[in-house]
Amino acid sequence: MDGETHFWLIRHAPVDGPRGVIHAPDAPADLRDAAAFAALKARLPAGAFAVCSPARRTRETAARLGLEAAADDAFREQDFGDWTGRRHSELEAELGAAYPAFWNSPGSNRPPGGESFADQIARARAGLLRLPAGDVVLVVHSGTIRAVLAIALELAPEVALRFVIDPLSLTRIDRLPNAWRVVAVNGH
């Protein structure tokens, strides 16, 4: 890898929909917080290469920030398969002890028809390898940001899931020629 890459990882705006749901990729973003968008936009580097996940909420967030972001499937949220679109409380009532058991090892367990967080880390790793040196803004999901932190810090999936990543927060990570540097996590 030639040169440094400065990643500006932004979690999308809050989902404009009910809480407690595993949202589908077509869930819209709540774009009403003009002050938060203005503050975040002011912190971003001019002329950066911009990428987002293909999900509607990331594309809408990127557009609201004035970015022309290319959608890249490598940076989509973890695929929760058959659980997508369902409420956590509904799944727990339906699945009984199997649902909380899933969360005992959420880094390696796969929901029915979905992928594990470890799978998401591998997908994000492949995507990062394709990104150029310089400033890169990624408008993505909390899981994607945790995956990049797992890569940069060489963390086990379960450990990386401990990070809190708020909507419209900024995480800064640098890829150096032979190392990684974490500048800030979950900044506002």
N, C-alpha and C. Protein backbone atom coordinates (compact mmCIF):
# COMPACT_ATOMS: atom_id res chain seq x y z
N MET A 1 0.85 -1.18 0.00
CA MET A 1 0.00 0.00 0.00
C MET A 1 0.89 1.24 0.00
N ASP A 2 0.76 2.10 -0.97
CA ASP A 2 1.56 3.31 -1.05
C ASP A 2 0.85 4.46 -0.35
N GLY A 3 1.55 5.14 0.53
CA GLY A 3 0.99 6.30 1.21
C GLY A 3 0.03 5.95 2.32
N GLU A 4 -0.46 6.99 2.96
CA GLU A 4 -1.41 6.84 4.06
C GLU A 4 -2.82 7.05 3.55
N THR A 5 -3.75 6.36 4.20
CA THR A 5 -5.17 6.62 3.94
C THR A 5 -5.79 7.08 5.25
N HIS A 6 -6.47 8.21 5.17
CA HIS A 6 -7.14 8.78 6.34
C HIS A 6 -8.64 8.52 6.18
N PHE A 7 -9.15 7.60 7.00
CA PHE A 7 -10.56 7.24 6.92
C PHE A 7 -11.39 8.12 7.84
N TRP A 8 -12.45 8.67 7.29
CA TRP A 8 -13.42 9.48 8.01
C TRP A 8 -14.71 8.66 7.97
N LEU A 9 -14.94 7.86 9.02
CA LEU A 9 -16.08 6.95 9.06
C LEU A 9 -17.26 7.62 9.76
N ILE A 10 -18.34 7.75 9.03
CA ILE A 10 -19.54 8.40 9.56
C ILE A 10 -20.65 7.36 9.65
N ARG A 11 -21.26 7.28 10.82
CA ARG A 11 -22.45 6.45 10.91
C ARG A 11 -23.62 7.26 10.37
N HIS A 12 -24.47 6.61 9.61
CA HIS A 12 -25.62 7.27 9.00
C HIS A 12 -26.51 7.95 10.04
N ALA A 13 -27.37 8.83 9.57
CA ALA A 13 -28.36 9.48 10.43
C ALA A 13 -29.30 8.43 11.02
N PRO A 14 -29.99 8.77 12.09
CA PRO A 14 -30.93 7.79 12.68
C PRO A 14 -31.93 7.31 11.63
N VAL A 15 -32.38 6.09 11.80
CA VAL A 15 -33.40 5.56 10.90
C VAL A 15 -34.72 6.26 11.20
N ASP A 16 -35.41 6.67 10.16
CA ASP A 16 -36.73 7.29 10.29
C ASP A 16 -37.75 6.16 10.32
N GLY A 17 -37.90 5.55 11.49
CA GLY A 17 -38.79 4.42 11.64
C GLY A 17 -38.81 3.97 13.09
N PRO A 18 -39.50 2.88 13.36
CA PRO A 18 -39.65 2.42 14.74
C PRO A 18 -38.33 1.95 15.34
N ARG A 19 -38.20 2.09 16.64
CA ARG A 19 -37.02 1.62 17.36
C ARG A 19 -37.20 0.13 17.68
N GLY A 20 -36.07 -0.54 17.94
CA GLY A 20 -36.11 -1.94 18.33
C GLY A 20 -36.30 -2.90 17.17
N VAL A 21 -36.08 -2.40 15.94
CA VAL A 21 -36.26 -3.20 14.74
C VAL A 21 -34.90 -3.41 14.08
N ILE A 22 -34.69 -4.58 13.50
CA ILE A 22 -33.51 -4.83 12.67
C ILE A 22 -33.89 -4.31 11.28
N HIS A 23 -33.46 -3.11 10.98
CA HIS A 23 -33.92 -2.42 9.78
C HIS A 23 -33.37 -3.01 8.48
N ALA A 24 -34.21 -3.01 7.48
CA ALA A 24 -33.85 -3.47 6.14
C ALA A 24 -33.04 -2.38 5.43
N PRO A 25 -32.35 -2.73 4.36
CA PRO A 25 -31.54 -1.74 3.63
C PRO A 25 -32.34 -0.56 3.08
N ASP A 26 -33.64 -0.72 2.87
CA ASP A 26 -34.44 0.37 2.30
C ASP A 26 -35.01 1.31 3.37
N ALA A 27 -34.64 1.13 4.64
CA ALA A 27 -35.13 2.02 5.70
C ALA A 27 -34.56 3.42 5.48
N PRO A 28 -35.42 4.45 5.53
CA PRO A 28 -34.95 5.81 5.28
C PRO A 28 -34.26 6.43 6.49
N ALA A 29 -33.48 7.48 6.23
CA ALA A 29 -32.80 8.22 7.29
C ALA A 29 -33.65 9.41 7.72
N ASP A 30 -33.52 9.78 8.98
CA ASP A 30 -34.12 11.00 9.50
C ASP A 30 -33.09 12.10 9.30
N LEU A 31 -33.34 12.98 8.36
CA LEU A 31 -32.37 14.01 7.94
C LEU A 31 -32.67 15.39 8.52
N ARG A 32 -33.48 15.47 9.56
CA ARG A 32 -33.96 16.76 10.06
C ARG A 32 -32.97 17.53 10.93
N ASP A 33 -31.95 16.91 11.48
CA ASP A 33 -31.05 17.59 12.40
C ASP A 33 -30.01 18.42 11.64
N ALA A 34 -30.44 19.60 11.19
CA ALA A 34 -29.59 20.46 10.36
C ALA A 34 -28.30 20.86 11.08
N ALA A 35 -28.37 21.12 12.36
CA ALA A 35 -27.18 21.53 13.12
C ALA A 35 -26.15 20.39 13.16
N ALA A 36 -26.59 19.16 13.38
CA ALA A 36 -25.67 18.02 13.43
C ALA A 36 -25.02 17.81 12.06
N PHE A 37 -25.80 17.93 11.00
CA PHE A 37 -25.24 17.78 9.65
C PHE A 37 -24.23 18.88 9.35
N ALA A 38 -24.55 20.11 9.72
CA ALA A 38 -23.63 21.22 9.45
C ALA A 38 -22.32 21.04 10.22
N ALA A 39 -22.39 20.64 11.49
CA ALA A 39 -21.19 20.44 12.30
C ALA A 39 -20.34 19.31 11.73
N LEU A 40 -20.98 18.24 11.33
CA LEU A 40 -20.24 17.10 10.77
C LEU A 40 -19.60 17.46 9.44
N LYS A 41 -20.36 18.13 8.58
CA LYS A 41 -19.84 18.52 7.27
C LYS A 41 -18.62 19.42 7.40
N ALA A 42 -18.62 20.30 8.40
CA ALA A 42 -17.51 21.22 8.61
C ALA A 42 -16.22 20.49 9.01
N ARG A 43 -16.34 19.29 9.54
CA ARG A 43 -15.17 18.52 9.99
C ARG A 43 -14.57 17.65 8.90
N LEU A 44 -15.27 17.50 7.78
CA LEU A 44 -14.81 16.60 6.72
C LEU A 44 -13.82 17.28 5.79
N PRO A 45 -12.85 16.51 5.28
CA PRO A 45 -11.87 17.09 4.37
C PRO A 45 -12.48 17.37 2.99
N ALA A 46 -12.11 18.49 2.40
CA ALA A 46 -12.60 18.83 1.06
C ALA A 46 -11.95 17.90 0.04
N GLY A 47 -12.71 17.51 -0.96
CA GLY A 47 -12.18 16.73 -2.06
C GLY A 47 -11.87 15.27 -1.75
N ALA A 48 -12.38 14.78 -0.64
CA ALA A 48 -12.10 13.38 -0.27
C ALA A 48 -12.85 12.42 -1.19
N PHE A 49 -12.30 11.24 -1.35
CA PHE A 49 -12.98 10.14 -2.04
C PHE A 49 -14.08 9.67 -1.11
N ALA A 50 -15.31 9.55 -1.60
CA ALA A 50 -16.44 9.20 -0.73
C ALA A 50 -17.08 7.88 -1.15
N VAL A 51 -17.39 7.08 -0.15
CA VAL A 51 -18.00 5.76 -0.35
C VAL A 51 -19.11 5.61 0.68
N CYS A 52 -20.15 4.89 0.31
CA CYS A 52 -21.20 4.56 1.27
C CYS A 52 -21.64 3.13 1.04
N SER A 53 -22.40 2.62 1.98
CA SER A 53 -23.01 1.31 1.75
C SER A 53 -24.16 1.54 0.77
N PRO A 54 -24.69 0.49 0.17
CA PRO A 54 -25.82 0.69 -0.75
C PRO A 54 -27.16 0.94 -0.05
N ALA A 55 -27.20 0.90 1.27
CA ALA A 55 -28.45 1.10 2.00
C ALA A 55 -28.97 2.53 1.81
N ARG A 56 -30.27 2.64 1.76
CA ARG A 56 -30.91 3.95 1.56
C ARG A 56 -30.46 4.97 2.60
N ARG A 57 -30.40 4.58 3.87
CA ARG A 57 -30.07 5.53 4.94
C ARG A 57 -28.65 6.07 4.81
N THR A 58 -27.71 5.28 4.29
CA THR A 58 -26.35 5.79 4.11
C THR A 58 -26.28 6.69 2.88
N ARG A 59 -26.98 6.32 1.83
CA ARG A 59 -26.98 7.15 0.62
C ARG A 59 -27.62 8.50 0.91
N GLU A 60 -28.72 8.50 1.67
CA GLU A 60 -29.38 9.75 2.02
C GLU A 60 -28.50 10.62 2.92
N THR A 61 -27.83 10.00 3.86
CA THR A 61 -26.93 10.74 4.76
C THR A 61 -25.78 11.36 3.97
N ALA A 62 -25.18 10.58 3.08
CA ALA A 62 -24.08 11.10 2.25
C ALA A 62 -24.55 12.29 1.41
N ALA A 63 -25.71 12.16 0.79
CA ALA A 63 -26.23 13.25 -0.04
C ALA A 63 -26.48 14.49 0.80
N ARG A 64 -27.01 14.32 2.02
CA ARG A 64 -27.30 15.46 2.91
C ARG A 64 -26.01 16.16 3.32
N LEU A 65 -24.90 15.40 3.34
CA LEU A 65 -23.60 15.97 3.66
C LEU A 65 -22.92 16.58 2.44
N GLY A 66 -23.59 16.51 1.28
CA GLY A 66 -23.04 17.07 0.05
C GLY A 66 -21.99 16.19 -0.60
N LEU A 67 -21.99 14.91 -0.26
CA LEU A 67 -21.01 13.97 -0.82
C LEU A 67 -21.58 13.22 -2.01
N GLU A 68 -20.77 13.03 -3.01
CA GLU A 68 -21.12 12.15 -4.13
C GLU A 68 -20.43 10.83 -3.86
N ALA A 69 -21.10 9.99 -3.07
CA ALA A 69 -20.49 8.75 -2.59
C ALA A 69 -20.86 7.58 -3.49
N ALA A 70 -19.86 6.79 -3.82
CA ALA A 70 -20.07 5.55 -4.59
C ALA A 70 -20.53 4.47 -3.62
N ALA A 71 -21.60 3.78 -3.95
CA ALA A 71 -22.10 2.69 -3.11
C ALA A 71 -21.22 1.46 -3.31
N ASP A 72 -20.81 0.86 -2.20
CA ASP A 72 -19.95 -0.33 -2.24
C ASP A 72 -20.52 -1.37 -1.28
N ASP A 73 -20.87 -2.52 -1.80
CA ASP A 73 -21.48 -3.59 -1.03
C ASP A 73 -20.58 -4.10 0.10
N ALA A 74 -19.28 -3.90 0.00
CA ALA A 74 -18.36 -4.35 1.04
C ALA A 74 -18.63 -3.66 2.37
N PHE A 75 -19.27 -2.50 2.32
CA PHE A 75 -19.46 -1.70 3.52
C PHE A 75 -20.90 -1.69 4.03
N ARG A 76 -21.72 -2.65 3.56
CA ARG A 76 -23.09 -2.73 4.04
C ARG A 76 -23.11 -3.27 5.47
N GLU A 77 -24.24 -3.10 6.12
CA GLU A 77 -24.41 -3.60 7.49
C GLU A 77 -24.44 -5.11 7.47
N GLN A 78 -24.21 -5.71 8.63
CA GLN A 78 -24.29 -7.16 8.77
C GLN A 78 -25.66 -7.62 8.28
N ASP A 79 -25.68 -8.70 7.55
CA ASP A 79 -26.93 -9.27 7.03
C ASP A 79 -27.54 -10.15 8.12
N PHE A 80 -28.69 -9.73 8.62
CA PHE A 80 -29.38 -10.49 9.66
C PHE A 80 -30.40 -11.47 9.08
N GLY A 81 -30.33 -11.69 7.78
CA GLY A 81 -31.13 -12.74 7.15
C GLY A 81 -32.61 -12.67 7.48
N ASP A 82 -33.15 -13.78 7.96
CA ASP A 82 -34.58 -13.90 8.26
C ASP A 82 -35.05 -12.97 9.37
N TRP A 83 -34.12 -12.42 10.13
CA TRP A 83 -34.48 -11.52 11.21
C TRP A 83 -34.67 -10.08 10.74
N THR A 84 -34.25 -9.76 9.54
CA THR A 84 -34.35 -8.39 9.02
C THR A 84 -35.81 -7.96 8.96
N GLY A 85 -36.06 -6.75 9.44
CA GLY A 85 -37.40 -6.18 9.44
C GLY A 85 -38.22 -6.55 10.66
N ARG A 86 -37.64 -7.33 11.55
CA ARG A 86 -38.39 -7.80 12.73
C ARG A 86 -37.91 -7.10 13.98
N ARG A 87 -38.77 -7.06 14.98
CA ARG A 87 -38.44 -6.46 16.27
C ARG A 87 -37.66 -7.47 17.12
N HIS A 88 -36.72 -6.95 17.89
CA HIS A 88 -35.96 -7.81 18.79
C HIS A 88 -36.90 -8.50 19.79
N SER A 89 -37.85 -7.75 20.32
CA SER A 89 -38.78 -8.33 21.30
C SER A 89 -39.62 -9.45 20.69
N GLU A 90 -40.00 -9.28 19.45
CA GLU A 90 -40.77 -10.30 18.72
C GLU A 90 -39.93 -11.56 18.52
N LEU A 91 -38.67 -11.39 18.15
CA LEU A 91 -37.79 -12.54 17.94
C LEU A 91 -37.55 -13.29 19.25
N GLU A 92 -37.37 -12.54 20.32
CA GLU A 92 -37.14 -13.18 21.61
C GLU A 92 -38.37 -13.96 22.06
N ALA A 93 -39.55 -13.40 21.85
CA ALA A 93 -40.78 -14.11 22.23
C ALA A 93 -40.97 -15.36 21.38
N GLU A 94 -40.64 -15.27 20.11
CA GLU A 94 -40.82 -16.41 19.19
C GLU A 94 -39.78 -17.49 19.39
N LEU A 95 -38.52 -17.10 19.59
CA LEU A 95 -37.43 -18.06 19.63
C LEU A 95 -37.07 -18.54 21.03
N GLY A 96 -37.60 -17.87 22.04
CA GLY A 96 -37.30 -18.27 23.42
C GLY A 96 -35.82 -18.15 23.73
N ALA A 97 -35.28 -19.17 24.37
CA ALA A 97 -33.89 -19.16 24.83
C ALA A 97 -32.89 -19.11 23.67
N ALA A 98 -33.29 -19.52 22.48
CA ALA A 98 -32.37 -19.51 21.34
C ALA A 98 -31.95 -18.08 20.96
N TYR A 99 -32.85 -17.11 21.17
CA TYR A 99 -32.50 -15.74 20.79
C TYR A 99 -31.42 -15.16 21.70
N PRO A 100 -31.59 -15.18 23.02
CA PRO A 100 -30.49 -14.67 23.86
C PRO A 100 -29.22 -15.51 23.72
N ALA A 101 -29.35 -16.80 23.42
CA ALA A 101 -28.17 -17.65 23.22
C ALA A 101 -27.36 -17.17 22.03
N PHE A 102 -28.04 -16.68 20.98
CA PHE A 102 -27.33 -16.13 19.82
C PHE A 102 -26.39 -15.01 20.28
N TRP A 103 -26.85 -14.15 21.17
CA TRP A 103 -26.11 -12.97 21.60
C TRP A 103 -24.98 -13.32 22.57
N ASN A 104 -24.88 -14.59 23.01
CA ASN A 104 -23.74 -15.00 23.83
C ASN A 104 -22.46 -15.04 23.01
N SER A 105 -22.56 -15.26 21.71
CA SER A 105 -21.41 -15.25 20.80
C SER A 105 -21.79 -14.53 19.51
N PRO A 106 -22.14 -13.25 19.60
CA PRO A 106 -22.65 -12.55 18.42
C PRO A 106 -21.61 -12.33 17.33
N GLY A 107 -20.34 -12.46 17.66
CA GLY A 107 -19.31 -12.26 16.65
C GLY A 107 -19.22 -13.40 15.66
N SER A 108 -19.54 -14.61 16.11
CA SER A 108 -19.39 -15.78 15.24
C SER A 108 -20.70 -16.44 14.86
N ASN A 109 -21.78 -16.17 15.60
CA ASN A 109 -23.08 -16.78 15.26
C ASN A 109 -23.70 -16.10 14.05
N ARG A 110 -24.42 -16.88 13.26
CA ARG A 110 -25.13 -16.34 12.09
C ARG A 110 -26.63 -16.48 12.31
N PRO A 111 -27.38 -15.38 12.12
CA PRO A 111 -28.84 -15.52 12.14
C PRO A 111 -29.27 -16.38 10.95
N PRO A 112 -30.43 -17.00 11.01
CA PRO A 112 -30.89 -17.82 9.87
C PRO A 112 -30.89 -17.02 8.57
N GLY A 113 -30.18 -17.53 7.58
CA GLY A 113 -30.12 -16.87 6.28
C GLY A 113 -29.23 -15.65 6.24
N GLY A 114 -28.47 -15.39 7.32
CA GLY A 114 -27.64 -14.18 7.38
C GLY A 114 -26.17 -14.48 7.51
N GLU A 115 -25.44 -13.50 8.00
CA GLU A 115 -24.00 -13.63 8.16
C GLU A 115 -23.60 -13.25 9.58
N SER A 116 -22.44 -13.70 9.99
CA SER A 116 -21.90 -13.36 11.30
C SER A 116 -21.19 -12.01 11.22
N PHE A 117 -20.89 -11.45 12.38
CA PHE A 117 -20.10 -10.23 12.41
C PHE A 117 -18.69 -10.52 11.88
N ALA A 118 -18.15 -11.71 12.14
CA ALA A 118 -16.85 -12.09 11.58
C ALA A 118 -16.90 -12.07 10.05
N ASP A 119 -18.02 -12.49 9.47
CA ASP A 119 -18.19 -12.41 8.02
C ASP A 119 -18.16 -10.96 7.55
N GLN A 120 -18.81 -10.09 8.32
CA GLN A 120 -18.83 -8.67 7.97
C GLN A 120 -17.41 -8.08 8.03
N ILE A 121 -16.64 -8.47 9.02
CA ILE A 121 -15.26 -7.99 9.14
C ILE A 121 -14.47 -8.39 7.90
N ALA A 122 -14.61 -9.64 7.47
CA ALA A 122 -13.89 -10.12 6.28
C ALA A 122 -14.30 -9.32 5.04
N ARG A 123 -15.58 -9.04 4.91
CA ARG A 123 -16.09 -8.27 3.77
C ARG A 123 -15.53 -6.85 3.80
N ALA A 124 -15.52 -6.22 4.99
CA ALA A 124 -15.00 -4.86 5.12
C ALA A 124 -13.50 -4.83 4.83
N ARG A 125 -12.77 -5.86 5.27
CA ARG A 125 -11.33 -5.92 5.02
C ARG A 125 -11.05 -5.90 3.52
N ALA A 126 -11.81 -6.68 2.77
CA ALA A 126 -11.64 -6.72 1.31
C ALA A 126 -11.96 -5.35 0.70
N GLY A 127 -13.00 -4.70 1.20
CA GLY A 127 -13.35 -3.37 0.70
C GLY A 127 -12.28 -2.33 0.98
N LEU A 128 -11.71 -2.37 2.18
CA LEU A 128 -10.67 -1.41 2.54
C LEU A 128 -9.45 -1.53 1.63
N LEU A 129 -9.13 -2.75 1.22
CA LEU A 129 -7.97 -2.96 0.35
C LEU A 129 -8.13 -2.27 -1.00
N ARG A 130 -9.38 -2.04 -1.42
CA ARG A 130 -9.62 -1.40 -2.72
C ARG A 130 -9.60 0.13 -2.66
N LEU A 131 -9.58 0.69 -1.46
CA LEU A 131 -9.67 2.14 -1.33
C LEU A 131 -8.31 2.81 -1.50
N PRO A 132 -8.32 4.00 -2.10
CA PRO A 132 -7.05 4.68 -2.41
C PRO A 132 -6.42 5.34 -1.19
N ALA A 133 -5.17 5.73 -1.34
CA ALA A 133 -4.49 6.55 -0.34
C ALA A 133 -5.12 7.94 -0.36
N GLY A 134 -4.90 8.69 0.70
CA GLY A 134 -5.46 10.03 0.82
C GLY A 134 -6.65 10.02 1.77
N ASP A 135 -7.49 11.03 1.64
CA ASP A 135 -8.67 11.15 2.49
C ASP A 135 -9.83 10.38 1.88
N VAL A 136 -10.44 9.50 2.69
CA VAL A 136 -11.59 8.71 2.26
C VAL A 136 -12.69 8.85 3.30
N VAL A 137 -13.85 9.31 2.87
CA VAL A 137 -15.02 9.40 3.74
C VAL A 137 -15.91 8.20 3.46
N LEU A 138 -16.25 7.47 4.52
CA LEU A 138 -17.15 6.33 4.39
C LEU A 138 -18.41 6.63 5.21
N VAL A 139 -19.56 6.65 4.57
CA VAL A 139 -20.83 6.83 5.25
C VAL A 139 -21.45 5.44 5.34
N VAL A 140 -21.43 4.89 6.54
CA VAL A 140 -21.74 3.48 6.72
C VAL A 140 -22.57 3.24 7.97
N HIS A 141 -22.51 2.05 8.50
CA HIS A 141 -23.32 1.59 9.62
C HIS A 141 -22.44 1.38 10.86
N SER A 142 -23.08 1.29 12.01
CA SER A 142 -22.31 1.06 13.24
C SER A 142 -21.53 -0.25 13.15
N GLY A 143 -22.13 -1.29 12.59
CA GLY A 143 -21.43 -2.56 12.45
C GLY A 143 -20.23 -2.46 11.55
N THR A 144 -20.33 -1.68 10.50
CA THR A 144 -19.20 -1.50 9.58
C THR A 144 -18.06 -0.77 10.28
N ILE A 145 -18.38 0.24 11.05
CA ILE A 145 -17.35 0.98 11.77
C ILE A 145 -16.69 0.07 12.81
N ARG A 146 -17.49 -0.72 13.51
CA ARG A 146 -16.91 -1.69 14.46
C ARG A 146 -16.01 -2.68 13.73
N ALA A 147 -16.41 -3.10 12.53
CA ALA A 147 -15.59 -4.03 11.74
C ALA A 147 -14.24 -3.40 11.39
N VAL A 148 -14.24 -2.14 10.99
CA VAL A 148 -12.98 -1.46 10.65
C VAL A 148 -12.12 -1.30 11.91
N LEU A 149 -12.74 -1.01 13.04
CA LEU A 149 -11.99 -0.94 14.30
C LEU A 149 -11.38 -2.31 14.64
N ALA A 150 -12.13 -3.38 14.41
CA ALA A 150 -11.60 -4.73 14.65
C ALA A 150 -10.37 -4.98 13.80
N ILE A 151 -10.41 -4.54 12.55
CA ILE A 151 -9.28 -4.72 11.63
C ILE A 151 -8.08 -3.88 12.11
N ALA A 152 -8.33 -2.61 12.39
CA ALA A 152 -7.24 -1.71 12.76
C ALA A 152 -6.58 -2.11 14.08
N LEU A 153 -7.38 -2.55 15.02
CA LEU A 153 -6.86 -2.88 16.35
C LEU A 153 -6.61 -4.38 16.55
N GLU A 154 -6.86 -5.16 15.51
CA GLU A 154 -6.69 -6.62 15.57
C GLU A 154 -7.49 -7.21 16.73
N LEU A 155 -8.76 -6.83 16.79
CA LEU A 155 -9.65 -7.29 17.86
C LEU A 155 -10.47 -8.49 17.42
N ALA A 156 -10.76 -9.35 18.38
CA ALA A 156 -11.71 -10.43 18.13
C ALA A 156 -13.08 -9.80 17.88
N PRO A 157 -13.92 -10.43 17.07
CA PRO A 157 -15.23 -9.85 16.77
C PRO A 157 -16.05 -9.47 18.01
N GLU A 158 -16.10 -10.34 19.01
CA GLU A 158 -16.89 -10.03 20.21
C GLU A 158 -16.38 -8.79 20.93
N VAL A 159 -15.07 -8.57 20.90
CA VAL A 159 -14.48 -7.40 21.56
C VAL A 159 -14.84 -6.14 20.79
N ALA A 160 -14.77 -6.18 19.47
CA ALA A 160 -15.09 -5.00 18.66
C ALA A 160 -16.55 -4.59 18.80
N LEU A 161 -17.41 -5.54 19.10
CA LEU A 161 -18.84 -5.22 19.28
C LEU A 161 -19.10 -4.39 20.53
N ARG A 162 -18.11 -4.20 21.36
CA ARG A 162 -18.28 -3.39 22.58
C ARG A 162 -18.27 -1.89 22.30
N PHE A 163 -17.81 -1.48 21.13
CA PHE A 163 -17.78 -0.05 20.80
C PHE A 163 -19.18 0.48 20.59
N VAL A 164 -19.44 1.66 21.12
CA VAL A 164 -20.68 2.39 20.86
C VAL A 164 -20.42 3.33 19.69
N ILE A 165 -21.29 3.25 18.69
CA ILE A 165 -21.16 4.12 17.51
C ILE A 165 -22.52 4.78 17.29
N ASP A 166 -22.62 6.05 17.63
CA ASP A 166 -23.87 6.79 17.54
C ASP A 166 -24.19 7.25 16.13
N PRO A 167 -25.47 7.47 15.83
CA PRO A 167 -25.83 8.07 14.54
C PRO A 167 -25.13 9.43 14.38
N LEU A 168 -24.69 9.69 13.17
CA LEU A 168 -24.01 10.93 12.80
C LEU A 168 -22.74 11.19 13.60
N SER A 169 -22.12 10.13 14.10
CA SER A 169 -20.83 10.28 14.78
C SER A 169 -19.70 10.09 13.77
N LEU A 170 -18.52 10.56 14.15
CA LEU A 170 -17.34 10.48 13.29
C LEU A 170 -16.27 9.66 13.99
N THR A 171 -15.78 8.65 13.31
CA THR A 171 -14.65 7.85 13.76
C THR A 171 -13.52 8.06 12.76
N ARG A 172 -12.32 8.35 13.26
CA ARG A 172 -11.17 8.62 12.39
C ARG A 172 -10.12 7.55 12.59
N ILE A 173 -9.73 6.90 11.51
CA ILE A 173 -8.71 5.86 11.54
C ILE A 173 -7.78 6.08 10.35
N ASP A 174 -6.49 5.96 10.59
CA ASP A 174 -5.51 6.10 9.52
C ASP A 174 -4.88 4.75 9.22
N ARG A 175 -4.78 4.44 7.94
CA ARG A 175 -4.02 3.26 7.49
C ARG A 175 -2.66 3.76 7.04
N LEU A 176 -1.64 3.38 7.79
CA LEU A 176 -0.27 3.77 7.50
C LEU A 176 0.38 2.69 6.66
N PRO A 177 1.56 2.94 6.11
CA PRO A 177 2.18 1.90 5.27
C PRO A 177 2.34 0.55 5.96
N ASN A 178 2.63 0.54 7.26
CA ASN A 178 2.85 -0.73 7.97
C ASN A 178 2.09 -0.84 9.28
N ALA A 179 1.09 -0.02 9.48
CA ALA A 179 0.37 -0.03 10.75
C ALA A 179 -0.95 0.73 10.61
N TRP A 180 -1.69 0.77 11.69
CA TRP A 180 -2.95 1.52 11.77
C TRP A 180 -2.83 2.50 12.93
N ARG A 181 -3.58 3.60 12.83
CA ARG A 181 -3.65 4.58 13.92
C ARG A 181 -5.11 4.95 14.11
N VAL A 182 -5.61 4.81 15.33
CA VAL A 182 -6.98 5.22 15.65
C VAL A 182 -6.90 6.61 16.25
N VAL A 183 -7.50 7.57 15.56
CA VAL A 183 -7.45 8.96 15.96
C VAL A 183 -8.59 9.33 16.90
N ALA A 184 -9.80 8.86 16.58
CA ALA A 184 -10.98 9.17 17.40
C ALA A 184 -12.07 8.16 17.09
N VAL A 185 -12.88 7.87 18.11
CA VAL A 185 -14.01 6.94 17.95
C VAL A 185 -15.27 7.61 18.48
N ASN A 186 -16.33 7.56 17.67
CA ASN A 186 -17.65 8.03 18.09
C ASN A 186 -17.67 9.50 18.46
N GLY A 187 -16.94 10.32 17.70
CA GLY A 187 -16.87 11.76 17.98
C GLY A 187 -18.12 12.49 17.51
N HIS A 188 -18.40 13.59 18.18
CA HIS A 188 -19.57 14.43 17.83
C HIS A 188 -19.12 15.86 17.67
